[in-house]
Amino acid sequence: MSARLSADLLVVGLGPAGASAALAAARGGLRVVAVDRRREAGLPVQCAEFVPGPLLGHVTGLPAAIRQPISAMHTMLAGEPPHVTEDFRGQMIDRAQFDQALVAAAQAAGATLLFGACVKALTDDGLLLQDGRWLDAPVLIGADGPRSIIGRAMGSCNDALVETRQISVALHSAHAATDIFLSPAYRGGYAWLFPKGEIAHIGLGVEPALRHRLKPLLEALHADLVAAGRVGAEVLQLTGGAIPVGGLLRCVGMVPGRNVLLAGDAAGLTNPVTGAGIAAAVQSGRMAGEAAVQLAGGRLEAAQEYAAELDDIFGVSLARAVQRRRELLAQSSDERFPLRRDWRRGWIAYPEYWAPLASGVSKQQDVHPMKEPFHDLPQA
């Protein structure tokens, strides 16, 4: 057998969830090995880079990554004047620098980090990398995104996704709001303009069946914004990726005799309406790392406690978003367009979104993002 590296905990994925998990577990005294298929932390950036205010004081290195403040959200729905949500505060960040700060903190805490390390298989013998190395530990954390290899091995996969495409362009006038565009053309998602100093991110998401429309739809939106004099014509950067929109998954289990925890996108924690994911990734990663410390110490109930705590924190918010998204999709097709009332029920800026659900989720039970903008804001 090829070279084998053993540890107390293996973390797969070194985005905000995986790096936060590695940091928490290493600080808890575990021997941590974390791997990522990318060659460099944080790159390529696949994120709109908005972070809500309440996260700012909770993450090592975040202040240094801030690029501009956001103070409001403008929601554009055809046929209506812009809906302005005041006091919608947050920060646009440099996501690569943010990720790199988390990774540096995990490494400083003693975690062993392997980049350019692609996972080939998870077997009874451990985790096999494409280069032939084997890794093994009694606890695994899957933080490897919406198409998680670890989640698939555990039988817990994101089966609902939105495909996205985003460009970066010059921003011609200072802007301090996130702009949201709602349209039947963006079925299953929405479009956005997020300002970041002298540039803006323009992007959109749609259900996978419409992936072939992403490029022309984004080109049309870009052309409209150029014609309005808001942004430059030159595309400075292009990115994209998948966002899970099916809600919270089963996030604990066993894979060939090893305890497994899922965190971040791998656990389905991204908000199905807004695409928000950074805050949940950081928080769930930290929680998973802390649970791994207890599991490694023989306290097996820590896994179910982790699952229960995730549900307590995110469950109601995600259930609301799943239902609102399904309601809107039920009114959407190439022949059928949602009514204005459907749109207003389907987006967080409108009070109709927070009306009681048939499932029994009430506004009083849920977290309203204008009061505590942590779980439900557009970030990625």
Protein backbone atom coordinates (compact mmCIF):
# COMPACT_ATOMS: atom_id res chain seq x y z
CA MET A 1 0.00 0.00 0.00
CA SER A 2 1.19 3.58 -0.73
CA ALA A 3 2.20 6.13 1.89
CA ARG A 4 -0.37 6.53 4.68
CA LEU A 5 -0.97 9.57 6.87
CA SER A 6 -3.02 9.08 10.04
CA ALA A 7 -4.73 11.71 12.16
CA ASP A 8 -7.53 12.18 14.67
CA LEU A 9 -9.65 14.08 12.13
CA LEU A 10 -9.75 14.38 8.35
CA VAL A 11 -11.40 17.44 6.83
CA VAL A 12 -12.24 17.41 3.13
CA GLY A 13 -12.57 20.91 1.71
CA LEU A 14 -10.85 24.11 2.87
CA GLY A 15 -13.42 26.77 2.15
CA PRO A 16 -14.93 28.69 5.08
CA ALA A 17 -16.61 25.55 6.51
CA GLY A 18 -13.59 23.26 6.28
CA ALA A 19 -11.06 25.83 7.42
CA SER A 20 -13.29 26.76 10.39
CA ALA A 21 -13.63 23.08 11.28
CA ALA A 22 -9.89 22.47 11.05
CA LEU A 23 -9.22 25.55 13.17
CA ALA A 24 -11.68 24.57 15.92
CA ALA A 25 -10.51 20.96 16.05
CA ALA A 26 -6.82 21.85 16.08
CA ARG A 27 -7.42 24.32 18.89
CA GLY A 28 -9.21 21.49 20.70
CA GLY A 29 -6.04 19.41 20.61
CA LEU A 30 -6.74 17.06 17.69
CA ARG A 31 -4.24 16.01 15.05
CA VAL A 32 -6.00 17.41 12.00
CA VAL A 33 -5.29 16.75 8.34
CA ALA A 34 -7.34 18.79 5.86
CA VAL A 35 -7.30 18.46 2.08
CA ASP A 36 -8.55 20.57 -0.81
CA ARG A 37 -8.45 19.88 -4.54
CA ARG A 38 -7.62 23.52 -5.26
CA ARG A 39 -3.97 24.47 -5.46
CA GLU A 40 -4.41 27.70 -3.52
CA ALA A 41 -6.82 28.69 -0.75
CA GLY A 42 -9.72 30.85 -1.86
CA LEU A 43 -9.04 30.60 -5.59
CA PRO A 44 -10.84 30.62 -7.89
CA VAL A 45 -13.43 32.84 -6.20
CA GLN A 46 -16.98 31.53 -6.73
CA CYS A 47 -18.88 34.00 -4.61
CA ALA A 48 -20.65 37.36 -4.77
CA GLU A 49 -18.58 38.32 -1.67
CA PHE A 50 -21.28 39.94 0.50
CA VAL A 51 -21.20 39.28 4.26
CA PRO A 52 -23.91 40.55 6.66
CA GLY A 53 -22.99 42.69 9.62
CA PRO A 54 -23.48 40.16 12.47
CA LEU A 55 -20.74 37.90 11.07
CA LEU A 56 -18.08 40.60 11.13
CA GLY A 57 -16.99 40.14 14.73
CA HIS A 58 -16.95 36.35 14.66
CA VAL A 59 -14.28 35.43 12.12
CA THR A 60 -10.52 35.70 12.35
CA GLY A 61 -9.07 37.84 9.58
CA LEU A 62 -12.37 39.17 8.23
CA PRO A 63 -11.76 42.90 8.91
CA ALA A 64 -8.63 42.82 6.76
CA ALA A 65 -10.67 41.38 3.87
CA ILE A 66 -13.37 44.11 3.89
CA ARG A 67 -13.55 46.17 0.70
CA GLN A 68 -16.67 48.33 1.12
CA PRO A 69 -19.73 48.73 3.35
CA ILE A 70 -23.27 47.93 2.21
CA SER A 71 -26.18 49.84 3.73
CA ALA A 72 -29.30 48.85 1.77
CA MET A 73 -30.89 46.37 -0.64
CA HIS A 74 -32.78 47.37 -3.79
CA THR A 75 -35.18 44.79 -5.20
CA MET A 76 -36.23 45.29 -8.82
CA LEU A 77 -39.44 43.59 -9.93
CA ALA A 78 -40.71 44.35 -13.43
CA GLY A 79 -43.63 46.77 -13.44
CA GLU A 80 -42.93 48.10 -9.96
CA PRO A 81 -40.64 50.85 -8.64
CA PRO A 82 -37.56 49.53 -6.82
CA HIS A 83 -38.33 48.17 -3.37
CA VAL A 84 -35.75 49.73 -1.06
CA THR A 85 -34.83 47.89 2.12
CA GLU A 86 -33.14 50.42 4.36
CA ASP A 87 -30.59 49.54 7.03
CA PHE A 88 -29.59 46.33 5.24
CA ARG A 89 -26.03 46.42 6.49
CA GLY A 90 -23.05 44.30 5.68
CA GLN A 91 -19.69 44.33 3.95
CA MET A 92 -18.31 43.38 0.59
CA ILE A 93 -15.14 41.38 1.13
CA ASP A 94 -12.21 39.97 -0.75
CA ARG A 95 -13.27 36.34 -0.55
CA ALA A 96 -9.83 34.96 -1.48
CA GLN A 97 -8.20 36.94 1.32
CA PHE A 98 -10.96 35.91 3.71
CA ASP A 99 -10.48 32.20 2.96
CA GLN A 100 -6.71 32.54 3.14
CA ALA A 101 -6.94 34.15 6.59
CA LEU A 102 -9.05 31.22 7.87
CA VAL A 103 -6.62 28.72 6.37
CA ALA A 104 -3.65 30.54 7.91
CA ALA A 105 -5.34 30.47 11.32
CA ALA A 106 -6.00 26.72 11.02
CA GLN A 107 -2.40 26.09 10.05
CA ALA A 108 -1.12 28.24 12.90
CA ALA A 109 -3.26 26.17 15.29
CA GLY A 110 -1.43 23.05 14.14
CA ALA A 111 -3.59 21.59 11.36
CA THR A 112 -1.79 19.92 8.45
CA LEU A 113 -3.20 21.31 5.20
CA LEU A 114 -2.79 19.63 1.81
CA PHE A 115 -3.71 21.61 -1.31
CA GLY A 116 -3.88 20.16 -4.79
CA ALA A 117 -5.07 16.95 -3.12
CA CYS A 118 -7.96 15.38 -5.04
CA VAL A 119 -9.98 12.66 -3.34
CA LYS A 120 -10.32 9.54 -5.48
CA ALA A 121 -12.25 7.26 -3.17
CA LEU A 122 -13.38 6.64 0.39
CA THR A 123 -12.98 2.96 1.28
CA ASP A 124 -12.64 0.69 4.29
CA ASP A 125 -8.91 1.47 4.21
CA GLY A 126 -9.45 5.24 4.44
CA LEU A 127 -9.36 8.19 2.07
CA LEU A 128 -7.44 7.59 -1.16
CA LEU A 129 -6.02 10.61 -2.99
CA GLN A 130 -5.45 10.75 -6.74
CA ASP A 131 -1.67 10.74 -6.19
CA GLY A 132 -1.86 7.40 -4.37
CA ARG A 133 -1.54 8.66 -0.80
CA TRP A 134 -3.87 7.26 1.86
CA LEU A 135 -5.31 9.27 4.75
CA ASP A 136 -7.09 7.82 7.73
CA ALA A 137 -8.83 9.03 10.87
CA PRO A 138 -11.73 7.88 13.04
CA VAL A 139 -13.65 11.12 12.29
CA LEU A 140 -14.27 12.78 8.91
CA ILE A 141 -15.74 16.19 8.18
CA GLY A 142 -17.15 16.71 4.69
CA ALA A 143 -16.93 20.40 3.81
CA ASP A 144 -16.40 19.83 0.11
CA GLY A 145 -19.26 21.80 -1.35
CA PRO A 146 -22.63 21.14 -2.94
CA ARG A 147 -21.45 18.00 -4.76
CA SER A 148 -19.71 16.60 -1.70
CA ILE A 149 -17.79 13.34 -2.20
CA ILE A 150 -18.07 12.64 1.52
CA GLY A 151 -21.80 13.32 1.53
CA ARG A 152 -22.31 11.04 -1.44
CA ALA A 153 -20.39 8.25 0.31
CA MET A 154 -22.68 8.74 3.29
CA GLY A 155 -25.78 8.68 1.08
CA SER A 156 -26.64 12.31 1.82
CA CYS A 157 -26.50 14.41 -1.36
CA ASN A 158 -27.81 17.77 -2.50
CA ASP A 159 -30.42 16.80 -5.09
CA ALA A 160 -31.59 20.35 -5.86
CA LEU A 161 -29.14 22.89 -7.24
CA VAL A 162 -29.06 26.28 -8.91
CA GLU A 163 -26.43 26.98 -11.55
CA THR A 164 -24.83 30.42 -11.51
CA ARG A 165 -22.68 32.62 -13.70
CA GLN A 166 -21.06 35.90 -12.61
CA ILE A 167 -18.87 38.57 -14.19
CA SER A 168 -16.89 41.41 -12.64
CA VAL A 169 -16.91 44.80 -14.38
CA ALA A 170 -15.97 48.41 -13.68
CA LEU A 171 -18.52 50.31 -11.56
CA HIS A 172 -18.99 53.85 -12.86
CA SER A 173 -20.60 55.42 -9.79
CA ALA A 174 -20.25 54.68 -6.10
CA HIS A 175 -23.05 52.43 -4.87
CA ALA A 176 -23.76 51.14 -1.37
CA ALA A 177 -26.65 48.71 -1.97
CA THR A 178 -27.03 45.15 -3.18
CA ASP A 179 -29.31 45.20 -6.24
CA ILE A 180 -31.63 42.23 -6.79
CA PHE A 181 -33.42 41.59 -10.11
CA LEU A 182 -36.46 39.29 -10.14
CA SER A 183 -37.69 38.00 -13.49
CA PRO A 184 -39.44 34.96 -14.99
CA ALA A 185 -36.33 34.58 -17.16
CA TYR A 186 -34.31 33.68 -14.06
CA ARG A 187 -36.45 30.67 -13.15
CA GLY A 188 -35.35 29.09 -9.92
CA GLY A 189 -33.07 32.02 -9.03
CA TYR A 190 -32.51 35.75 -9.46
CA ALA A 191 -29.94 38.21 -10.79
CA TRP A 192 -27.79 40.63 -8.86
CA LEU A 193 -25.39 43.56 -8.91
CA PHE A 194 -23.12 43.74 -5.89
CA PRO A 195 -20.75 46.73 -5.69
CA LYS A 196 -17.20 46.27 -4.50
CA GLY A 197 -15.36 49.59 -4.55
CA GLU A 198 -14.52 50.41 -8.16
CA ILE A 199 -15.91 47.15 -9.54
CA ALA A 200 -19.25 45.34 -9.45
CA HIS A 201 -20.21 41.69 -9.55
CA ILE A 202 -23.11 41.02 -11.92
CA GLY A 203 -24.52 37.53 -11.87
CA LEU A 204 -27.55 35.33 -11.97
CA GLY A 205 -28.73 31.86 -11.06
CA VAL A 206 -31.24 29.53 -12.70
CA GLU A 207 -32.40 25.97 -12.27
CA PRO A 208 -30.09 23.42 -13.96
CA ALA A 209 -32.45 22.77 -16.88
CA LEU A 210 -31.90 26.38 -17.96
CA ARG A 211 -28.13 26.36 -17.60
CA HIS A 212 -27.75 26.90 -21.35
CA ARG A 213 -29.48 30.27 -20.93
CA LEU A 214 -27.04 31.61 -18.33
CA LYS A 215 -24.62 33.18 -20.81
CA PRO A 216 -27.16 35.05 -22.98
CA LEU A 217 -29.20 36.13 -19.96
CA LEU A 218 -26.15 37.54 -18.23
CA GLU A 219 -24.98 39.23 -21.41
CA ALA A 220 -28.39 40.90 -21.74
CA LEU A 221 -28.36 42.12 -18.13
CA HIS A 222 -24.82 43.40 -18.55
CA ALA A 223 -25.79 45.25 -21.75
CA ASP A 224 -28.75 46.90 -19.97
CA LEU A 225 -26.49 48.09 -17.15
CA VAL A 226 -23.89 49.36 -19.64
CA ALA A 227 -26.62 51.25 -21.54
CA ALA A 228 -27.78 52.78 -18.24
CA GLY A 229 -24.23 54.05 -17.68
CA ARG A 230 -23.80 52.10 -14.46
CA VAL A 231 -20.99 49.72 -15.41
CA GLY A 232 -18.23 49.21 -17.95
CA ALA A 233 -18.48 47.01 -21.01
CA GLU A 234 -15.23 45.10 -20.42
CA VAL A 235 -15.54 41.84 -18.51
CA LEU A 236 -12.72 41.70 -15.96
CA GLN A 237 -13.45 38.25 -14.52
CA LEU A 238 -15.83 35.35 -15.06
CA THR A 239 -16.86 32.74 -12.52
CA GLY A 240 -19.76 30.48 -11.65
CA GLY A 241 -20.79 27.33 -9.85
CA ALA A 242 -23.59 25.38 -8.25
CA ILE A 243 -25.58 26.38 -5.15
CA PRO A 244 -27.58 23.81 -3.14
CA VAL A 245 -31.23 24.82 -2.76
CA GLY A 246 -32.85 21.75 -1.24
CA GLY A 247 -32.40 22.64 2.41
CA LEU A 248 -30.79 20.89 5.35
CA LEU A 249 -29.50 17.36 4.70
CA ARG A 250 -28.85 14.47 7.05
CA CYS A 251 -25.50 15.74 8.27
CA VAL A 252 -24.16 12.93 10.47
CA GLY A 253 -23.53 9.28 9.76
CA MET A 254 -20.99 6.51 9.41
CA VAL A 255 -18.78 5.70 6.42
CA PRO A 256 -16.75 2.45 6.63
CA GLY A 257 -16.72 2.54 10.44
CA ARG A 258 -15.84 6.22 10.70
CA ASN A 259 -17.93 9.02 12.17
CA VAL A 260 -18.85 11.59 9.52
CA LEU A 261 -20.09 15.16 9.90
CA LEU A 262 -21.12 17.40 7.01
CA ALA A 263 -20.80 21.19 7.15
CA GLY A 264 -21.53 24.20 4.96
CA ASP A 265 -22.81 23.58 1.44
CA ALA A 266 -22.18 19.84 1.86
CA ALA A 267 -24.83 19.86 4.61
CA GLY A 268 -27.31 21.84 2.50
CA LEU A 269 -27.03 24.93 4.70
CA THR A 270 -27.09 27.48 1.87
CA ASN A 271 -30.35 29.43 1.84
CA PRO A 272 -32.48 28.14 -1.07
CA VAL A 273 -33.94 31.58 -1.85
CA THR A 274 -31.02 33.96 -1.43
CA GLY A 275 -28.03 31.68 -1.95
CA ALA A 276 -26.61 32.81 1.40
CA GLY A 277 -23.83 30.48 2.48
CA ILE A 278 -20.81 32.13 4.09
CA ALA A 279 -22.25 32.67 7.56
CA ALA A 280 -23.68 29.16 7.77
CA ALA A 281 -20.42 27.68 6.49
CA VAL A 282 -18.31 29.39 9.14
CA GLN A 283 -20.71 28.62 11.98
CA SER A 284 -21.34 24.99 11.02
CA GLY A 285 -17.65 24.39 10.38
CA ARG A 286 -16.73 25.62 13.85
CA MET A 287 -19.49 23.50 15.38
CA ALA A 288 -18.37 20.42 13.43
CA GLY A 289 -14.78 20.90 14.56
CA GLU A 290 -15.88 21.16 18.18
CA ALA A 291 -18.07 18.06 17.82
CA ALA A 292 -15.12 16.19 16.29
CA VAL A 293 -13.07 16.91 19.41
CA GLN A 294 -15.75 15.24 21.52
CA LEU A 295 -16.13 12.31 19.12
CA ALA A 296 -12.40 11.69 19.13
CA GLY A 297 -12.58 11.63 22.91
CA GLY A 298 -15.18 8.86 22.83
CA ARG A 299 -18.30 10.95 23.38
CA LEU A 300 -20.34 9.50 20.50
CA GLU A 301 -23.51 11.42 21.29
CA ALA A 302 -21.73 14.58 20.12
CA ALA A 303 -22.64 13.73 16.51
CA GLN A 304 -26.39 13.76 17.11
CA GLU A 305 -26.04 16.86 19.28
CA TYR A 306 -24.31 18.58 16.34
CA ALA A 307 -27.16 17.60 14.03
CA ALA A 308 -29.76 18.81 16.52
CA GLU A 309 -27.99 22.13 17.02
CA LEU A 310 -27.78 22.71 13.26
CA ASP A 311 -31.50 22.06 12.99
CA ASP A 312 -32.21 24.42 15.90
CA ILE A 313 -30.19 27.22 14.31
CA PHE A 314 -30.96 26.80 10.61
CA GLY A 315 -33.90 24.41 10.30
CA VAL A 316 -36.85 26.82 10.39
CA SER A 317 -35.16 29.41 8.19
CA LEU A 318 -34.22 26.80 5.58
CA ALA A 319 -37.64 25.14 5.68
CA ARG A 320 -39.29 28.49 4.98
CA ALA A 321 -36.95 29.19 2.08
CA VAL A 322 -37.47 25.71 0.59
CA GLN A 323 -41.23 26.11 0.70
CA ARG A 324 -41.22 29.66 -0.71
CA ARG A 325 -38.95 28.60 -3.54
CA ARG A 326 -41.14 25.60 -4.37
CA GLU A 327 -44.25 27.80 -4.35
CA LEU A 328 -42.66 30.21 -6.82
CA LEU A 329 -41.37 27.43 -9.06
CA ALA A 330 -44.85 25.89 -9.17
CA GLN A 331 -46.03 29.10 -10.87
CA SER A 332 -43.09 29.21 -13.29
CA SER A 333 -42.61 27.67 -16.71
CA ASP A 334 -41.90 28.81 -20.26
CA GLU A 335 -45.66 29.27 -20.71
CA ARG A 336 -46.63 30.43 -17.23
CA PHE A 337 -45.24 33.38 -15.30
CA PRO A 338 -45.64 34.10 -11.57
CA LEU A 339 -47.98 36.90 -10.56
CA ARG A 340 -46.69 39.87 -8.63
CA ARG A 341 -48.09 38.41 -5.40
CA ASP A 342 -46.10 35.20 -6.05
CA TRP A 343 -42.88 37.18 -6.38
CA ARG A 344 -43.59 39.07 -3.19
CA ARG A 345 -44.08 35.80 -1.30
CA GLY A 346 -40.87 34.47 -2.79
CA TRP A 347 -38.29 37.12 -1.83
CA ILE A 348 -37.07 38.10 1.64
CA ALA A 349 -37.41 41.87 1.18
CA TYR A 350 -41.20 41.69 1.08
CA PRO A 351 -43.41 41.20 4.16
CA GLU A 352 -45.38 38.49 2.33
CA TYR A 353 -42.33 36.21 2.51
CA TRP A 354 -42.69 36.18 6.30
CA ALA A 355 -46.40 35.31 6.40
CA PRO A 356 -47.22 32.04 8.20
CA LEU A 357 -46.65 28.87 6.18
CA ALA A 358 -49.08 26.01 5.82
CA SER A 359 -46.46 23.77 7.44
CA GLY A 360 -46.83 25.69 10.68
CA VAL A 361 -43.62 27.72 10.46
CA SER A 362 -44.59 31.14 11.75
CA LYS A 363 -43.01 34.53 11.47
CA GLN A 364 -42.59 34.53 15.23
CA GLN A 365 -40.62 31.28 15.08
CA ASP A 366 -38.43 32.40 12.19
CA VAL A 367 -35.50 34.80 12.05
CA HIS A 368 -36.37 37.98 10.16
CA PRO A 369 -33.24 39.12 8.30
CA MET A 370 -33.98 42.80 8.74
CA LYS A 371 -33.77 42.28 12.50
CA GLU A 372 -30.94 39.75 12.58
CA PRO A 373 -29.39 39.43 9.10
CA PHE A 374 -27.41 36.26 9.67
CA HIS A 375 -28.87 33.28 7.83
CA ASP A 376 -31.03 34.69 5.05
CA LEU A 377 -28.97 37.25 3.15
CA PRO A 378 -27.45 36.95 -0.32
CA GLN A 379 -23.75 36.23 0.11
CA ALA A 380 -22.57 33.74 -2.42
